[in-house]
C-alpha atoms as a PDB file:
ATOM      1  CA  UNK A   1       1.459  17.408  21.207  1.00  0.00           C
ATOM      2  CA  UNK A   2       2.969  15.952  24.459  1.00  0.00           C
ATOM      3  CA  UNK A   3       4.135  12.737  24.974  1.00  0.00           C
ATOM      4  CA  UNK A   4       6.722  10.587  27.081  1.00  0.00           C
ATOM      5  CA  UNK A   5      10.042   9.992  26.073  1.00  0.00           C
ATOM      6  CA  UNK A   6      10.614   6.807  24.212  1.00  0.00           C
ATOM      7  CA  UNK A   7      13.023   4.790  25.792  1.00  0.00           C
ATOM      8  CA  UNK A   8      13.442   0.735  24.267  1.00  0.00           C
ATOM      9  CA  UNK A   9      16.478  -1.080  25.212  1.00  0.00           C
ATOM     10  CA  UNK A  10      17.343  -3.997  22.022  1.00  0.00           C
ATOM     11  CA  UNK A  11      16.292  -2.065  19.535  1.00  0.00           C
ATOM     12  CA  UNK A  12      18.347  -0.113  16.871  1.00  0.00           C
ATOM     13  CA  UNK A  13      18.111   3.359  17.873  1.00  0.00           C
ATOM     14  CA  UNK A  14      20.045   6.237  16.063  1.00  0.00           C
ATOM     15  CA  UNK A  15      19.327   9.303  18.489  1.00  0.00           C
ATOM     16  CA  UNK A  16      20.477  13.073  16.917  1.00  0.00           C
ATOM     17  CA  UNK A  17      20.444  16.242  18.987  1.00  0.00           C
ATOM     18  CA  UNK A  18      20.856  20.097  18.099  1.00  0.00           C
ATOM     19  CA  UNK A  19      19.994  22.865  20.150  1.00  0.00           C
ATOM     20  CA  UNK A  20      16.593  22.352  22.233  1.00  0.00           C
ATOM     21  CA  UNK A  21      15.400  19.668  19.328  1.00  0.00           C
ATOM     22  CA  UNK A  22      15.976  15.684  19.108  1.00  0.00           C
ATOM     23  CA  UNK A  23      15.508  12.847  16.391  1.00  0.00           C
ATOM     24  CA  UNK A  24      14.904   9.297  17.043  1.00  0.00           C
ATOM     25  CA  UNK A  25      15.664   7.345  14.011  1.00  0.00           C
ATOM     26  CA  UNK A  26      15.012   3.764  13.616  1.00  0.00           C
ATOM     27  CA  UNK A  27      16.888   2.217  10.289  1.00  0.00           C
ATOM     28  CA  UNK A  28      16.060  -1.530  11.150  1.00  0.00           C
ATOM     29  CA  UNK A  29      11.796  -0.597  10.974  1.00  0.00           C
ATOM     30  CA  UNK A  30      11.437   0.346   7.625  1.00  0.00           C
ATOM     31  CA  UNK A  31      14.293   3.310   7.874  1.00  0.00           C
ATOM     32  CA  UNK A  32      11.636   5.385   9.847  1.00  0.00           C
ATOM     33  CA  UNK A  33      11.290   8.469  12.266  1.00  0.00           C
ATOM     34  CA  UNK A  34      10.549   7.353  15.386  1.00  0.00           C
ATOM     35  CA  UNK A  35      10.411  10.835  16.959  1.00  0.00           C
ATOM     36  CA  UNK A  36      11.170  14.532  16.527  1.00  0.00           C
ATOM     37  CA  UNK A  37      10.239  16.822  18.975  1.00  0.00           C
ATOM     38  CA  UNK A  38      11.724  19.757  20.770  1.00  0.00           C
ATOM     39  CA  UNK A  39      12.061  20.998  24.699  1.00  0.00           C
ATOM     40  CA  UNK A  40      10.541  24.413  24.848  1.00  0.00           C
ATOM     41  CA  UNK A  41      10.309  26.345  28.555  1.00  0.00           C
ATOM     42  CA  UNK A  42      10.574  22.859  30.147  1.00  0.00           C
ATOM     43  CA  UNK A  43       7.726  21.331  27.789  1.00  0.00           C
ATOM     44  CA  UNK A  44       8.244  18.373  25.124  1.00  0.00           C
ATOM     45  CA  UNK A  45       6.710  19.311  21.832  1.00  0.00           C
ATOM     46  CA  UNK A  46       6.347  16.415  19.334  1.00  0.00           C
ATOM     47  CA  UNK A  47       6.343  17.921  15.625  1.00  0.00           C
ATOM     48  CA  UNK A  48       5.785  14.386  14.189  1.00  0.00           C
ATOM     49  CA  UNK A  49       3.429  11.878  15.919  1.00  0.00           C
ATOM     50  CA  UNK A  50       5.911   9.912  18.008  1.00  0.00           C
ATOM     51  CA  UNK A  51       6.144   6.025  18.070  1.00  0.00           C
ATOM     52  CA  UNK A  52       5.194   4.334  21.525  1.00  0.00           C
ATOM     53  CA  UNK A  53       7.286   1.783  23.076  1.00  0.00           C
ATOM     54  CA  UNK A  54       4.951  -0.937  21.566  1.00  0.00           C
ATOM     55  CA  UNK A  55       5.404   0.175  17.772  1.00  0.00           C
ATOM     56  CA  UNK A  56       9.016  -0.133  18.289  1.00  0.00           C
ATOM     57  CA  UNK A  57       9.736  -3.129  20.258  1.00  0.00           C
ATOM     58  CA  UNK A  58       7.226  -4.751  17.945  1.00  0.00           C
ATOM     59  CA  UNK A  59       8.633  -3.137  15.014  1.00  0.00           C
ATOM     60  CA  UNK A  60       5.518  -1.766  14.055  1.00  0.00           C
ATOM     61  CA  UNK A  61       6.271   0.429  10.923  1.00  0.00           C
ATOM     62  CA  UNK A  62       3.127   2.255  10.770  1.00  0.00           C
ATOM     63  CA  UNK A  63       3.150   2.993  14.337  1.00  0.00           C
ATOM     64  CA  UNK A  64       6.665   5.279  13.325  1.00  0.00           C
ATOM     65  CA  UNK A  65       6.197   9.291  12.972  1.00  0.00           C
ATOM     66  CA  UNK A  66       7.884   8.856   9.372  1.00  0.00           C
ATOM     67  CA  UNK A  67       8.848   6.029   6.893  1.00  0.00           C
ATOM     68  CA  UNK A  68      10.191   6.673   3.124  1.00  0.00           C
ATOM     69  CA  UNK A  69       8.280   5.867   0.385  1.00  0.00           C
ATOM     70  CA  UNK A  70      10.475   4.347  -2.454  1.00  0.00           C
ATOM     71  CA  UNK A  71      10.254   2.728  -5.408  1.00  0.00           C
ATOM     72  CA  UNK A  72       6.707   4.591  -5.292  1.00  0.00           C
ATOM     73  CA  UNK A  73       3.699   6.268  -3.298  1.00  0.00           C
ATOM     74  CA  UNK A  74       0.867   5.150  -2.536  1.00  0.00           C
ATOM     75  CA  UNK A  75      -0.558   1.875  -4.408  1.00  0.00           C
ATOM     76  CA  UNK A  76      -0.195   0.011  -7.255  1.00  0.00           C
ATOM     77  CA  UNK A  77      -3.182  -1.898  -8.390  1.00  0.00           C
ATOM     78  CA  UNK A  78      -2.742  -5.697  -7.929  1.00  0.00           C
ATOM     79  CA  UNK A  79       1.039  -4.935  -7.161  1.00  0.00           C
ATOM     80  CA  UNK A  80       1.598  -5.219 -11.299  1.00  0.00           C
ATOM     81  CA  UNK A  81       2.522  -3.211 -13.876  1.00  0.00           C
ATOM     82  CA  UNK A  82       4.785  -3.185 -17.129  1.00  0.00           C
ATOM     83  CA  UNK A  83       7.453  -0.490 -18.150  1.00  0.00           C
ATOM     84  CA  UNK A  84       9.174  -0.516 -21.555  1.00  0.00           C
ATOM     85  CA  UNK A  85       7.882  -4.083 -21.658  1.00  0.00           C
ATOM     86  CA  UNK A  86       9.056  -5.494 -18.599  1.00  0.00           C
ATOM     87  CA  UNK A  87       6.829  -6.995 -16.124  1.00  0.00           C
ATOM     88  CA  UNK A  88       6.943  -5.755 -12.273  1.00  0.00           C
ATOM     89  CA  UNK A  89       5.332  -7.089  -8.992  1.00  0.00           C
ATOM     90  CA  UNK A  90       5.140  -6.073  -5.717  1.00  0.00           C
ATOM     91  CA  UNK A  91       3.436  -8.692  -3.304  1.00  0.00           C
ATOM     92  CA  UNK A  92       0.278  -7.135  -2.152  1.00  0.00           C
ATOM     93  CA  UNK A  93       0.061  -5.931   1.451  1.00  0.00           C
ATOM     94  CA  UNK A  94      -2.048  -5.028   3.217  1.00  0.00           C
ATOM     95  CA  UNK A  95      -5.520  -5.386   1.070  1.00  0.00           C
ATOM     96  CA  UNK A  96      -5.983  -5.944  -2.791  1.00  0.00           C
ATOM     97  CA  UNK A  97      -2.918  -3.457  -4.108  1.00  0.00           C
ATOM     98  CA  UNK A  98       0.714  -3.438  -3.170  1.00  0.00           C
ATOM     99  CA  UNK A  99       1.259   0.056  -0.859  1.00  0.00           C
ATOM    100  CA  UNK A 100       4.246   2.033  -0.635  1.00  0.00           C
ATOM    101  CA  UNK A 101       7.170   0.660  -2.241  1.00  0.00           C
ATOM    102  CA  UNK A 102       9.879  -1.459  -0.572  1.00  0.00           C
ATOM    103  CA  UNK A 103      11.592   0.627   1.518  1.00  0.00           C
ATOM    104  CA  UNK A 104       9.116   0.916   4.812  1.00  0.00           C
ATOM    105  CA  UNK A 105       9.404  -3.002   5.095  1.00  0.00           C
ATOM    106  CA  UNK A 106      12.997  -3.337   4.856  1.00  0.00           C
ATOM    107  CA  UNK A 107      15.688  -2.932   7.414  1.00  0.00           C
ATOM    108  CA  UNK A 108      18.092  -0.079   6.467  1.00  0.00           C
ATOM    109  CA  UNK A 109      21.956   0.225   7.708  1.00  0.00           C
ATOM    110  CA  UNK A 110      23.473   3.498   9.035  1.00  0.00           C
ATOM    111  CA  UNK A 111      26.396   4.098   6.814  1.00  0.00           C
ATOM    112  CA  UNK A 112      27.414   7.618   8.983  1.00  0.00           C
ATOM    113  CA  UNK A 113      26.301   8.998  11.988  1.00  0.00           C
ATOM    114  CA  UNK A 114      27.634  12.464  14.124  1.00  0.00           C
ATOM    115  CA  UNK A 115      25.683  14.255  16.670  1.00  0.00           C
ATOM    116  CA  UNK A 116      23.517  16.452  13.948  1.00  0.00           C
ATOM    117  CA  UNK A 117      23.405  14.126  11.365  1.00  0.00           C
ATOM    118  CA  UNK A 118      22.829  10.343  10.027  1.00  0.00           C
ATOM    119  CA  UNK A 119      22.774   8.711   6.945  1.00  0.00           C
ATOM    120  CA  UNK A 120      21.234   5.128   6.018  1.00  0.00           C
ATOM    121  CA  UNK A 121      20.685   3.239   2.956  1.00  0.00           C
ATOM    122  CA  UNK A 122      19.482  -0.212   1.503  1.00  0.00           C
ATOM    123  CA  UNK A 123      19.457  -1.962  -1.580  1.00  0.00           C
ATOM    124  CA  UNK A 124      16.403  -3.525  -3.473  1.00  0.00           C
ATOM    125  CA  UNK A 125      17.361  -6.731  -5.853  1.00  0.00           C
ATOM    126  CA  UNK A 126      14.134  -9.098  -6.384  1.00  0.00           C
ATOM    127  CA  UNK A 127      13.397 -11.705  -9.049  1.00  0.00           C
ATOM    128  CA  UNK A 128       9.879  -9.936  -8.986  1.00  0.00           C
ATOM    129  CA  UNK A 129      11.308  -6.856  -9.312  1.00  0.00           C
ATOM    130  CA  UNK A 130      13.590  -6.582 -12.377  1.00  0.00           C
ATOM    131  CA  UNK A 131      14.973  -2.657 -11.734  1.00  0.00           C
ATOM    132  CA  UNK A 132      17.572  -2.862  -8.707  1.00  0.00           C
ATOM    133  CA  UNK A 133      18.421   0.196  -7.163  1.00  0.00           C
ATOM    134  CA  UNK A 134      20.149   1.517  -3.654  1.00  0.00           C
ATOM    135  CA  UNK A 135      18.155   4.524  -1.863  1.00  0.00           C
ATOM    136  CA  UNK A 136      19.603   6.327   0.794  1.00  0.00           C
ATOM    137  CA  UNK A 137      18.348   8.765   3.449  1.00  0.00           C
ATOM    138  CA  UNK A 138      20.187  11.859   4.662  1.00  0.00           C
ATOM    139  CA  UNK A 139      18.958  13.627   7.974  1.00  0.00           C
ATOM    140  CA  UNK A 140      20.610  16.636   8.884  1.00  0.00           C
ATOM    141  CA  UNK A 141      19.163  17.977  12.497  1.00  0.00           C
ATOM    142  CA  UNK A 142      19.132  21.821  13.578  1.00  0.00           C
ATOM    143  CA  UNK A 143      17.195  23.338  16.293  1.00  0.00           C
ATOM    144  CA  UNK A 144      13.348  22.834  15.424  1.00  0.00           C
ATOM    145  CA  UNK A 145      14.486  22.114  12.020  1.00  0.00           C
ATOM    146  CA  UNK A 146      14.579  18.771  10.197  1.00  0.00           C
ATOM    147  CA  UNK A 147      16.041  18.065   6.638  1.00  0.00           C
ATOM    148  CA  UNK A 148      15.834  14.581   5.034  1.00  0.00           C
ATOM    149  CA  UNK A 149      17.339  13.803   1.870  1.00  0.00           C
ATOM    150  CA  UNK A 150      16.243  10.860  -0.004  1.00  0.00           C
ATOM    151  CA  UNK A 151      18.521   9.532  -3.218  1.00  0.00           C
ATOM    152  CA  UNK A 152      17.580   6.777  -5.706  1.00  0.00           C
ATOM    153  CA  UNK A 153      20.437   5.156  -7.383  1.00  0.00           C
ATOM    154  CA  UNK A 154      19.283   3.021 -10.604  1.00  0.00           C
ATOM    155  CA  UNK A 155      21.916   0.113 -10.350  1.00  0.00           C
ATOM    156  CA  UNK A 156      21.460  -1.524 -13.367  1.00  0.00           C
ATOM    157  CA  UNK A 157      22.115  -0.377 -16.917  1.00  0.00           C
ATOM    158  CA  UNK A 158      18.449   0.731 -18.192  1.00  0.00           C
ATOM    159  CA  UNK A 159      15.742   2.509 -17.144  1.00  0.00           C
ATOM    160  CA  UNK A 160      13.513   2.093 -14.345  1.00  0.00           C
ATOM    161  CA  UNK A 161      10.401   3.914 -13.562  1.00  0.00           C
ATOM    162  CA  UNK A 162      10.460   5.648  -9.778  1.00  0.00           C
ATOM    163  CA  UNK A 163       8.281   7.587  -7.187  1.00  0.00           C
ATOM    164  CA  UNK A 164       9.964   8.576  -3.955  1.00  0.00           C
ATOM    165  CA  UNK A 165       8.399  10.683  -1.113  1.00  0.00           C
ATOM    166  CA  UNK A 166       7.851  10.694   2.637  1.00  0.00           C
ATOM    167  CA  UNK A 167       5.062   9.537   5.021  1.00  0.00           C
ATOM    168  CA  UNK A 168       4.879  11.568   8.138  1.00  0.00           C
ATOM    169  CA  UNK A 169       2.229  11.535  10.769  1.00  0.00           C
ATOM    170  CA  UNK A 170       1.643  14.608  12.436  1.00  0.00           C
ATOM    171  CA  UNK A 171      -0.554  15.125  15.281  1.00  0.00           C
ATOM    172  CA  UNK A 172      -4.229  16.004  15.316  1.00  0.00           C
ATOM    173  CA  UNK A 173      -5.582  18.439  17.676  1.00  0.00           C
ATOM    174  CA  UNK A 174      -9.293  19.525  17.771  1.00  0.00           C
ATOM    175  CA  UNK A 175      -8.060  23.118  15.936  1.00  0.00           C
ATOM    176  CA  UNK A 176      -5.250  21.918  14.019  1.00  0.00           C
ATOM    177  CA  UNK A 177      -5.207  23.358  10.281  1.00  0.00           C
ATOM    178  CA  UNK A 178      -3.448  22.208   7.038  1.00  0.00           C
ATOM    179  CA  UNK A 179      -2.526  24.826   4.440  1.00  0.00           C
ATOM    180  CA  UNK A 180      -1.288  24.257   1.135  1.00  0.00           C
ATOM    181  CA  UNK A 181      -1.475  25.296  -2.320  1.00  0.00           C
ATOM    182  CA  UNK A 182      -2.563  22.493  -5.133  1.00  0.00           C
ATOM    183  CA  UNK A 183      -4.350  22.606  -8.565  1.00  0.00           C
ATOM    184  CA  UNK A 184      -6.668  19.346  -8.154  1.00  0.00           C
ATOM    185  CA  UNK A 185      -7.641  16.345  -6.327  1.00  0.00           C
ATOM    186  CA  UNK A 186      -7.971  12.867  -7.728  1.00  0.00           C
ATOM    187  CA  UNK A 187     -11.701  10.854  -6.424  1.00  0.00           C
ATOM    188  CA  UNK A 188     -10.921   7.808  -4.750  1.00  0.00           C
ATOM    189  CA  UNK A 189     -12.885   4.184  -5.437  1.00  0.00           C
ATOM    190  CA  UNK A 190     -13.994   2.236  -2.166  1.00  0.00           C
ATOM    191  CA  UNK A 191     -10.330   0.565  -2.484  1.00  0.00           C
ATOM    192  CA  UNK A 192      -8.508   3.732  -2.091  1.00  0.00           C
ATOM    193  CA  UNK A 193      -7.546   3.720  -5.972  1.00  0.00           C
ATOM    194  CA  UNK A 194      -8.449   6.796  -8.529  1.00  0.00           C
ATOM    195  CA  UNK A 195     -11.091   7.376 -10.022  1.00  0.00           C
ATOM    196  CA  UNK A 196     -11.408  11.063 -11.298  1.00  0.00           C
ATOM    197  CA  UNK A 197      -9.257  14.328 -11.396  1.00  0.00           C
ATOM    198  CA  UNK A 198     -11.735  17.087  -9.941  1.00  0.00           C
ATOM    199  CA  UNK A 199     -11.310  20.671  -8.537  1.00  0.00           C
ATOM    200  CA  UNK A 200     -10.828  20.169  -4.796  1.00  0.00           C
ATOM    201  CA  UNK A 201     -14.678  20.419  -3.045  1.00  0.00           C
ATOM    202  CA  UNK A 202     -14.255  24.305  -1.462  1.00  0.00           C
ATOM    203  CA  UNK A 203     -16.685  22.642   1.465  1.00  0.00           C
ATOM    204  CA  UNK A 204     -14.139  20.486   2.968  1.00  0.00           C
ATOM    205  CA  UNK A 205     -11.104  19.102   1.020  1.00  0.00           C
ATOM    206  CA  UNK A 206      -9.664  22.567  -0.441  1.00  0.00           C
ATOM    207  CA  UNK A 207      -6.155  22.647   0.887  1.00  0.00           C
ATOM    208  CA  UNK A 208      -5.353  26.271  -0.975  1.00  0.00           C
ATOM    209  CA  UNK A 209      -8.066  27.739   1.808  1.00  0.00           C
ATOM    210  CA  UNK A 210      -6.940  25.632   5.054  1.00  0.00           C
ATOM    211  CA  UNK A 211      -8.533  22.446   6.582  1.00  0.00           C
ATOM    212  CA  UNK A 212      -8.721  21.289   9.805  1.00  0.00           C
ATOM    213  CA  UNK A 213      -7.972  17.515   9.726  1.00  0.00           C
ATOM    214  CA  UNK A 214      -9.931  16.629  12.955  1.00  0.00           C
ATOM    215  CA  UNK A 215     -13.041  17.221  11.165  1.00  0.00           C
ATOM    216  CA  UNK A 216     -13.183  15.433   7.742  1.00  0.00           C
ATOM    217  CA  UNK A 217     -11.562  12.076   6.386  1.00  0.00           C
ATOM    218  CA  UNK A 218      -9.982  12.476   3.311  1.00  0.00           C
ATOM    219  CA  UNK A 219      -7.182   9.470   1.568  1.00  0.00           C
ATOM    220  CA  UNK A 220      -6.950  11.441  -1.160  1.00  0.00           C
ATOM    221  CA  UNK A 221      -3.900  12.758  -3.836  1.00  0.00           C
ATOM    222  CA  UNK A 222      -3.486  15.874  -4.524  1.00  0.00           C
ATOM    223  CA  UNK A 223      -1.878  17.182  -7.356  1.00  0.00           C
ATOM    224  CA  UNK A 224       0.017  20.324  -8.638  1.00  0.00           C
ATOM    225  CA  UNK A 225       1.488  21.037  -5.120  1.00  0.00           C
ATOM    226  CA  UNK A 226       3.839  23.815  -5.066  1.00  0.00           C
ATOM    227  CA  UNK A 227       5.956  22.136  -2.378  1.00  0.00           C
ATOM    228  CA  UNK A 228       5.132  24.259   0.445  1.00  0.00           C
ATOM    229  CA  UNK A 229       2.712  23.392   3.198  1.00  0.00           C
ATOM    230  CA  UNK A 230       1.605  24.619   6.778  1.00  0.00           C
ATOM    231  CA  UNK A 231       0.580  23.256   9.943  1.00  0.00           C
ATOM    232  CA  UNK A 232      -0.783  25.038  12.918  1.00  0.00           C
ATOM    233  CA  UNK A 233      -1.550  23.701  16.190  1.00  0.00           C
ATOM    234  CA  UNK A 234      -3.661  27.086  17.986  1.00  0.00           C
ATOM    235  CA  UNK A 235      -3.862  25.234  21.488  1.00  0.00           C
ATOM    236  CA  UNK A 236      -0.296  25.208  21.355  1.00  0.00           C
ATOM    237  CA  UNK A 237       0.748  28.354  19.868  1.00  0.00           C
ATOM    238  CA  UNK A 238       2.893  26.437  17.485  1.00  0.00           C
ATOM    239  CA  UNK A 239       3.246  25.537  13.977  1.00  0.00           C
ATOM    240  CA  UNK A 240       5.355  23.465  11.453  1.00  0.00           C
ATOM    241  CA  UNK A 241       6.322  24.321   7.660  1.00  0.00           C
ATOM    242  CA  UNK A 242       7.251  21.345   5.211  1.00  0.00           C
ATOM    243  CA  UNK A 243       8.949  22.207   2.241  1.00  0.00           C
ATOM    244  CA  UNK A 244       9.740  19.942  -0.716  1.00  0.00           C
ATOM    245  CA  UNK A 245      12.013  19.782  -3.794  1.00  0.00           C
ATOM    246  CA  UNK A 246      10.821  18.842  -6.963  1.00  0.00           C
ATOM    247  CA  UNK A 247       9.870  15.994  -8.484  1.00  0.00           C
ATOM    248  CA  UNK A 248       7.358  15.851  -5.175  1.00  0.00           C
ATOM    249  CA  UNK A 249       4.749  17.925  -6.671  1.00  0.00           C
ATOM    250  CA  UNK A 250       2.092  15.769  -5.485  1.00  0.00           C
ATOM    251  CA  UNK A 251       0.606  15.819  -1.446  1.00  0.00           C
ATOM    252  CA  UNK A 252      -1.400  12.969  -0.660  1.00  0.00           C
ATOM    253  CA  UNK A 253      -3.620  13.946   2.968  1.00  0.00           C
ATOM    254  CA  UNK A 254      -4.866  10.894   4.927  1.00  0.00           C
ATOM    255  CA  UNK A 255      -6.713  11.864   7.878  1.00  0.00           C
ATOM    256  CA  UNK A 256      -8.549   8.982   9.419  1.00  0.00           C
ATOM    257  CA  UNK A 257     -11.409   9.611  11.756  1.00  0.00           C
ATOM    258  CA  UNK A 258     -10.744   9.844  15.373  1.00  0.00           C
ATOM    259  CA  UNK A 259      -7.214   8.118  15.582  1.00  0.00           C
ATOM    260  CA  UNK A 260      -5.399  11.442  16.827  1.00  0.00           C
ATOM    261  CA  UNK A 261      -3.228  12.334  13.786  1.00  0.00           C
ATOM    262  CA  UNK A 262      -3.038  12.968   9.990  1.00  0.00           C
ATOM    263  CA  UNK A 263      -0.750  12.661   7.046  1.00  0.00           C
ATOM    264  CA  UNK A 264       0.385  14.832   4.548  1.00  0.00           C
ATOM    265  CA  UNK A 265       2.938  13.086   2.338  1.00  0.00           C
ATOM    266  CA  UNK A 266       5.039  15.074   0.080  1.00  0.00           C
ATOM    267  CA  UNK A 267       5.492  12.676  -3.377  1.00  0.00           C
ATOM    268  CA  UNK A 268       6.554  12.359  -6.662  1.00  0.00           C
ATOM    269  CA  UNK A 269       3.547  10.394  -8.439  1.00  0.00           C
ATOM    270  CA  UNK A 270       0.318  10.006  -7.854  1.00  0.00           C
ATOM    271  CA  UNK A 271      -2.031   6.682  -6.800  1.00  0.00           C
ATOM    272  CA  UNK A 272      -1.441   4.060  -9.181  1.00  0.00           C
ATOM    273  CA  UNK A 273       1.478   6.405 -11.398  1.00  0.00           C
ATOM    274  CA  UNK A 274       2.898   3.334 -13.095  1.00  0.00           C
ATOM    275  CA  UNK A 275      -0.549   1.465 -14.639  1.00  0.00           C
ATOM    276  CA  UNK A 276      -2.266   4.993 -15.515  1.00  0.00           C
ATOM    277  CA  UNK A 277       1.313   6.234 -17.132  1.00  0.00           C
ATOM    278  CA  UNK A 278       0.980   2.926 -19.116  1.00  0.00           C
ATOM    279  CA  UNK A 279      -2.716   3.531 -20.243  1.00  0.00           C
ATOM    280  CA  UNK A 280      -1.477   7.112 -21.618  1.00  0.00           C
ATOM    281  CA  UNK A 281      -1.639   9.686 -18.887  1.00  0.00           C
ATOM    282  CA  UNK A 282       1.474  12.063 -18.759  1.00  0.00           C
ATOM    283  CA  UNK A 283       0.772  13.597 -15.410  1.00  0.00           C
ATOM    284  CA  UNK A 284       1.602  10.792 -13.252  1.00  0.00           C
ATOM    285  CA  UNK A 285       4.840  12.271 -11.980  1.00  0.00           C
ATOM    286  CA  UNK A 286       6.987   9.253 -13.221  1.00  0.00           C
ATOM    287  CA  UNK A 287      10.391   9.811 -13.011  1.00  0.00           C
ATOM    288  CA  UNK A 288      12.374   7.654 -15.591  1.00  0.00           C
ATOM    289  CA  UNK A 289      15.236   7.171 -14.104  1.00  0.00           C
ATOM    290  CA  UNK A 290      18.289   5.982 -16.619  1.00  0.00           C
ATOM    291  CA  UNK A 291      20.478   3.173 -15.737  1.00  0.00           C
ATOM    292  CA  UNK A 292      23.361   4.256 -12.961  1.00  0.00           C
ATOM    293  CA  UNK A 293      21.724   7.357 -12.486  1.00  0.00           C
ATOM    294  CA  UNK A 294      20.424   9.007  -8.822  1.00  0.00           C
ATOM    295  CA  UNK A 295      17.967  11.185  -8.619  1.00  0.00           C
ATOM    296  CA  UNK A 296      17.929  13.329  -4.768  1.00  0.00           C
ATOM    297  CA  UNK A 297      14.983  14.979  -3.219  1.00  0.00           C
ATOM    298  CA  UNK A 298      14.870  17.146  -0.149  1.00  0.00           C
ATOM    299  CA  UNK A 299      11.789  17.607   2.238  1.00  0.00           C
ATOM    300  CA  UNK A 300      12.460  20.066   5.220  1.00  0.00           C
ATOM    301  CA  UNK A 301      10.407  20.562   8.676  1.00  0.00           C
ATOM    302  CA  UNK A 302      10.980  23.686  10.052  1.00  0.00           C
ATOM    303  CA  UNK A 303       9.087  24.377  13.347  1.00  0.00           C
ATOM    304  CA  UNK A 304       8.241  27.529  15.689  1.00  0.00           C
ATOM    305  CA  UNK A 305       6.230  29.055  18.533  1.00  0.00           C
ATOM    306  CA  UNK A 306       4.111  31.631  17.289  1.00  0.00           C
ATOM    307  CA  UNK A 307       5.579  35.138  18.749  1.00  0.00           C
ATOM    308  CA  UNK A 308       8.868  33.862  18.200  1.00  0.00           C
ATOM    309  CA  UNK A 309      11.717  31.677  19.952  1.00  0.00           C
ATOM    310  CA  UNK A 310      10.693  30.740  23.212  1.00  0.00           C
END
């Protein structure tokens, strides 16, 4: 949970401060958060896995603390789908399928900044993506509390398919626990594509009873999420709650073995949602955003120390 301060020259960084807490943003690196931490009793506690100096210097978005997912979460098979008879394509990268949309691969620009708030945005217009849009993230920091508002405006006159979310990385200690109320789990194939919607296996993946991310390997989407999750780090007597508003009613959990982090991603759609919806499924979470309309989602991270404030 401890980490050295991140100081890198020559990189676009926006630092917010409020009370005992701070937030580093890197708009040019996929609109990502570099770190969110608090100084408590002389110790730094990182509530998200902080980006290293190397990750910042190299612009490695997957080495950041959190990045936005827009206009879809997770994977789209081969990067291709159709919507209202219109073909769309997102170049697969990495691997055989498109992953996480556009926002994390493009620079964002800062449009507003105060000591405790910042707003960044980017616009998407590309021949292979026939649904132009503007995405905006607004960050509001308070002591041990971060509110992230993500909005998407459809810049065309026709409807566009949409999924949104965040991809936070959390420190994974040996005794760390993650708990969330969900209704199911998508099993996956070797390419991390959805296979079957099942009851979460009680032996290792039932988020309702809590799981220890350090002891399992998951890369699954859990539908029917009620919008609240709790993470505890008993070694540090610390906890963090994550609350998301609709339509973010899916939770993607990624816990790679031995990496020192795990992800619990609040998102609005299941994996390969566009193609599953085209095949007739009605539970994919895809939003049909009409021309000229905007949708806004909010996720709040609120941290604390067991036993009250220090």
